[in-house]
Amino acid sequence: MRKYSSEEQFKKKMCILFKKDKKRYMILLKKMEEILSCDDVTHYKNLRAPLRHLKRVHIDSHFVLVFRYDESADSILFYDLDHHDNIYK
């Protein structure tokens, strides 16, 4: 399992999600665990410029989890979670 950290905005969104939608919160935790235990994180989709350093994965069909993989430290930074219409703005 890799080391990970989270941005403050991501932590706030997780707290809100825990209060409002526990089912989606559990799906998010499962996906985060899948990312952390994955052998090859590079297979997740890279974003285009200017967000080239970030990767994305879909959560529950309409939401996107954005994260960054630091290859040298073998760690993951969970960056943001939002609806796919709003995440890239």
N, C-alpha and C. Protein backbone atom coordinates (compact mmCIF):
# COMPACT_ATOMS: atom_id res chain seq x y z
N MET A 1 0.85 -1.18 0.00
CA MET A 1 0.00 0.00 0.00
C MET A 1 0.90 1.25 0.00
N ARG A 2 0.54 2.19 -0.81
CA ARG A 2 1.31 3.43 -0.94
C ARG A 2 0.94 4.44 0.15
N LYS A 3 1.84 5.40 0.33
CA LYS A 3 1.53 6.54 1.20
C LYS A 3 0.62 7.48 0.42
N TYR A 4 -0.22 8.21 1.15
CA TYR A 4 -1.07 9.17 0.47
C TYR A 4 -1.31 10.38 1.36
N SER A 5 -1.73 11.46 0.72
CA SER A 5 -2.14 12.66 1.42
C SER A 5 -3.30 13.28 0.64
N SER A 6 -3.93 14.28 1.24
CA SER A 6 -5.11 14.89 0.62
C SER A 6 -5.04 16.40 0.74
N GLU A 7 -5.52 17.07 -0.27
CA GLU A 7 -5.65 18.53 -0.23
C GLU A 7 -6.78 18.89 0.73
N GLU A 8 -6.74 20.10 1.26
CA GLU A 8 -7.78 20.56 2.19
C GLU A 8 -9.16 20.58 1.54
N GLN A 9 -9.23 21.03 0.29
CA GLN A 9 -10.53 21.10 -0.38
C GLN A 9 -11.12 19.70 -0.56
N PHE A 10 -10.26 18.72 -0.78
CA PHE A 10 -10.72 17.34 -0.92
C PHE A 10 -11.24 16.81 0.41
N LYS A 11 -10.56 17.12 1.50
CA LYS A 11 -11.02 16.68 2.82
C LYS A 11 -12.38 17.27 3.17
N LYS A 12 -12.57 18.55 2.82
CA LYS A 12 -13.86 19.19 3.08
C LYS A 12 -14.97 18.53 2.28
N LYS A 13 -14.69 18.21 1.03
CA LYS A 13 -15.70 17.57 0.19
C LYS A 13 -16.02 16.17 0.69
N MET A 14 -15.03 15.48 1.23
CA MET A 14 -15.28 14.15 1.79
C MET A 14 -16.17 14.24 3.02
N CYS A 15 -15.96 15.24 3.87
CA CYS A 15 -16.81 15.43 5.06
C CYS A 15 -18.25 15.71 4.66
N ILE A 16 -18.43 16.56 3.66
CA ILE A 16 -19.77 16.87 3.18
C ILE A 16 -20.42 15.63 2.59
N LEU A 17 -19.65 14.88 1.82
CA LEU A 17 -20.16 13.67 1.20
C LEU A 17 -20.55 12.63 2.25
N PHE A 18 -19.77 12.53 3.32
CA PHE A 18 -20.08 11.59 4.40
C PHE A 18 -21.43 11.93 5.04
N LYS A 19 -21.70 13.21 5.20
CA LYS A 19 -22.95 13.63 5.84
C LYS A 19 -24.15 13.48 4.92
N LYS A 20 -23.97 13.76 3.63
CA LYS A 20 -25.11 13.83 2.71
C LYS A 20 -25.37 12.54 1.93
N ASP A 21 -24.32 11.81 1.58
CA ASP A 21 -24.49 10.66 0.70
C ASP A 21 -23.50 9.56 1.08
N LYS A 22 -23.87 8.75 2.05
CA LYS A 22 -22.97 7.72 2.57
C LYS A 22 -22.65 6.64 1.54
N LYS A 23 -23.59 6.36 0.66
CA LYS A 23 -23.34 5.34 -0.36
C LYS A 23 -22.21 5.78 -1.29
N ARG A 24 -22.27 7.01 -1.77
CA ARG A 24 -21.22 7.52 -2.65
C ARG A 24 -19.90 7.66 -1.89
N TYR A 25 -19.97 7.98 -0.61
CA TYR A 25 -18.78 8.06 0.22
C TYR A 25 -18.08 6.70 0.30
N MET A 26 -18.85 5.65 0.48
CA MET A 26 -18.27 4.30 0.55
C MET A 26 -17.67 3.90 -0.80
N ILE A 27 -18.33 4.28 -1.89
CA ILE A 27 -17.79 4.01 -3.22
C ILE A 27 -16.46 4.74 -3.41
N LEU A 28 -16.39 5.97 -2.93
CA LEU A 28 -15.16 6.75 -3.01
C LEU A 28 -14.03 6.09 -2.22
N LEU A 29 -14.32 5.65 -1.01
CA LEU A 29 -13.30 4.98 -0.20
C LEU A 29 -12.80 3.71 -0.87
N LYS A 30 -13.70 2.97 -1.47
CA LYS A 30 -13.31 1.74 -2.16
C LYS A 30 -12.41 2.05 -3.35
N LYS A 31 -12.73 3.11 -4.09
CA LYS A 31 -11.91 3.49 -5.25
C LYS A 31 -10.55 4.00 -4.80
N MET A 32 -10.50 4.74 -3.70
CA MET A 32 -9.22 5.22 -3.17
C MET A 32 -8.34 4.05 -2.75
N GLU A 33 -8.95 3.06 -2.12
CA GLU A 33 -8.21 1.87 -1.72
C GLU A 33 -7.69 1.11 -2.94
N GLU A 34 -8.50 1.06 -3.99
CA GLU A 34 -8.09 0.40 -5.23
C GLU A 34 -6.88 1.11 -5.84
N ILE A 35 -6.89 2.44 -5.83
CA ILE A 35 -5.78 3.21 -6.38
C ILE A 35 -4.52 2.99 -5.55
N LEU A 36 -4.66 3.00 -4.24
CA LEU A 36 -3.50 2.85 -3.36
C LEU A 36 -2.88 1.46 -3.43
N SER A 37 -3.68 0.45 -3.68
CA SER A 37 -3.15 -0.91 -3.71
C SER A 37 -2.84 -1.41 -5.12
N CYS A 38 -3.06 -0.58 -6.12
CA CYS A 38 -2.82 -0.96 -7.51
C CYS A 38 -1.32 -1.11 -7.77
N ASP A 39 -0.94 -2.13 -8.53
CA ASP A 39 0.46 -2.35 -8.86
C ASP A 39 1.00 -1.27 -9.80
N ASP A 40 0.19 -0.86 -10.77
CA ASP A 40 0.62 0.10 -11.78
C ASP A 40 -0.35 1.27 -11.84
N VAL A 41 -0.02 2.36 -11.17
CA VAL A 41 -0.90 3.52 -11.11
C VAL A 41 -0.89 4.28 -12.43
N THR A 42 0.11 4.07 -13.25
CA THR A 42 0.23 4.83 -14.49
C THR A 42 -0.84 4.48 -15.51
N HIS A 43 -1.62 3.44 -15.29
CA HIS A 43 -2.65 3.09 -16.26
C HIS A 43 -3.89 3.98 -16.13
N TYR A 44 -4.00 4.77 -15.06
CA TYR A 44 -5.11 5.71 -14.95
C TYR A 44 -4.90 6.86 -15.92
N LYS A 45 -5.99 7.43 -16.39
CA LYS A 45 -5.94 8.42 -17.46
C LYS A 45 -5.30 9.73 -17.01
N ASN A 46 -4.34 10.21 -17.79
CA ASN A 46 -3.72 11.50 -17.55
C ASN A 46 -4.61 12.61 -18.10
N LEU A 47 -4.58 13.74 -17.44
CA LEU A 47 -5.31 14.90 -17.93
C LEU A 47 -4.43 15.66 -18.91
N ARG A 48 -5.06 16.53 -19.70
CA ARG A 48 -4.31 17.32 -20.68
C ARG A 48 -3.80 18.61 -20.03
N ALA A 49 -2.93 19.30 -20.77
CA ALA A 49 -2.37 20.56 -20.29
C ALA A 49 -3.50 21.53 -20.01
N PRO A 50 -3.44 22.33 -19.01
CA PRO A 50 -2.38 22.60 -18.04
C PRO A 50 -2.43 21.68 -16.81
N LEU A 51 -3.27 20.67 -16.82
CA LEU A 51 -3.39 19.74 -15.69
C LEU A 51 -2.66 18.42 -15.97
N ARG A 52 -1.60 18.50 -16.73
CA ARG A 52 -0.89 17.31 -17.21
C ARG A 52 -0.34 16.44 -16.08
N HIS A 53 -0.02 17.02 -14.95
CA HIS A 53 0.56 16.27 -13.84
C HIS A 53 -0.48 15.48 -13.03
N LEU A 54 -1.77 15.63 -13.38
CA LEU A 54 -2.85 14.97 -12.64
C LEU A 54 -3.44 13.80 -13.41
N LYS A 55 -4.04 12.88 -12.68
CA LYS A 55 -4.74 11.73 -13.27
C LYS A 55 -6.18 11.76 -12.78
N ARG A 56 -7.05 11.01 -13.48
CA ARG A 56 -8.45 11.00 -13.08
C ARG A 56 -9.01 9.59 -13.12
N VAL A 57 -10.07 9.40 -12.33
CA VAL A 57 -10.81 8.15 -12.35
C VAL A 57 -12.27 8.49 -12.01
N HIS A 58 -13.19 7.81 -12.68
CA HIS A 58 -14.61 8.07 -12.45
C HIS A 58 -15.10 7.34 -11.21
N ILE A 59 -15.98 8.01 -10.48
CA ILE A 59 -16.61 7.47 -9.29
C ILE A 59 -18.11 7.50 -9.52
N ASP A 60 -18.75 6.38 -9.47
CA ASP A 60 -20.21 6.33 -9.53
C ASP A 60 -20.77 7.08 -10.75
N SER A 61 -20.20 6.89 -11.89
CA SER A 61 -20.63 7.33 -13.22
C SER A 61 -20.61 8.83 -13.48
N HIS A 62 -20.94 9.71 -12.53
CA HIS A 62 -21.00 11.14 -12.81
C HIS A 62 -19.93 11.96 -12.09
N PHE A 63 -19.20 11.35 -11.20
CA PHE A 63 -18.21 12.08 -10.43
C PHE A 63 -16.81 11.64 -10.81
N VAL A 64 -15.87 12.57 -10.67
CA VAL A 64 -14.48 12.32 -11.05
C VAL A 64 -13.58 12.61 -9.86
N LEU A 65 -12.68 11.68 -9.59
CA LEU A 65 -11.66 11.86 -8.57
C LEU A 65 -10.35 12.19 -9.28
N VAL A 66 -9.75 13.32 -8.91
CA VAL A 66 -8.50 13.77 -9.52
C VAL A 66 -7.40 13.58 -8.49
N PHE A 67 -6.29 12.98 -8.93
CA PHE A 67 -5.18 12.73 -8.03
C PHE A 67 -3.85 12.87 -8.76
N ARG A 68 -2.78 12.95 -7.98
CA ARG A 68 -1.44 13.06 -8.54
C ARG A 68 -0.59 11.93 -7.99
N TYR A 69 0.18 11.30 -8.86
CA TYR A 69 1.08 10.22 -8.46
C TYR A 69 2.51 10.72 -8.52
N ASP A 70 3.21 10.66 -7.40
CA ASP A 70 4.62 11.04 -7.34
C ASP A 70 5.44 9.76 -7.43
N GLU A 71 6.05 9.56 -8.58
CA GLU A 71 6.76 8.31 -8.84
C GLU A 71 8.01 8.16 -7.98
N SER A 72 8.71 9.26 -7.73
CA SER A 72 9.96 9.18 -6.97
C SER A 72 9.70 8.79 -5.51
N ALA A 73 8.63 9.31 -4.92
CA ALA A 73 8.30 9.00 -3.53
C ALA A 73 7.30 7.86 -3.41
N ASP A 74 6.77 7.40 -4.53
CA ASP A 74 5.74 6.36 -4.58
C ASP A 74 4.57 6.72 -3.66
N SER A 75 4.08 7.95 -3.84
CA SER A 75 2.96 8.42 -3.02
C SER A 75 1.89 9.05 -3.92
N ILE A 76 0.70 9.17 -3.36
CA ILE A 76 -0.43 9.71 -4.10
C ILE A 76 -1.01 10.88 -3.32
N LEU A 77 -1.34 11.95 -4.06
CA LEU A 77 -2.00 13.11 -3.49
C LEU A 77 -3.39 13.20 -4.10
N PHE A 78 -4.41 12.99 -3.27
CA PHE A 78 -5.78 13.12 -3.74
C PHE A 78 -6.10 14.61 -3.78
N TYR A 79 -6.47 15.08 -4.96
CA TYR A 79 -6.55 16.51 -5.22
C TYR A 79 -7.97 17.06 -5.15
N ASP A 80 -8.92 16.44 -5.84
CA ASP A 80 -10.26 17.00 -5.90
C ASP A 80 -11.27 15.93 -6.29
N LEU A 81 -12.53 16.20 -5.96
CA LEU A 81 -13.66 15.35 -6.31
C LEU A 81 -14.83 16.26 -6.64
N ASP A 82 -15.43 16.05 -7.81
CA ASP A 82 -16.57 16.87 -8.20
C ASP A 82 -17.29 16.20 -9.36
N HIS A 83 -18.42 16.79 -9.72
CA HIS A 83 -19.19 16.32 -10.88
C HIS A 83 -18.35 16.54 -12.13
N HIS A 84 -18.47 15.65 -13.10
CA HIS A 84 -17.60 15.73 -14.27
C HIS A 84 -17.84 16.99 -15.10
N ASP A 85 -18.97 17.68 -14.95
CA ASP A 85 -19.19 18.95 -15.64
C ASP A 85 -18.44 20.10 -14.97
N ASN A 86 -18.12 19.97 -13.70
CA ASN A 86 -17.52 21.07 -12.93
C ASN A 86 -16.04 20.87 -12.61
N ILE A 87 -15.54 19.69 -12.72
CA ILE A 87 -14.21 19.37 -12.19
C ILE A 87 -13.08 20.07 -12.94
N TYR A 88 -13.21 20.29 -14.22
CA TYR A 88 -12.11 20.81 -15.02
C TYR A 88 -12.14 22.32 -15.17
N LYS A 89 -13.07 23.00 -14.52
CA LYS A 89 -13.17 24.46 -14.65
C LYS A 89 -12.28 25.17 -13.68
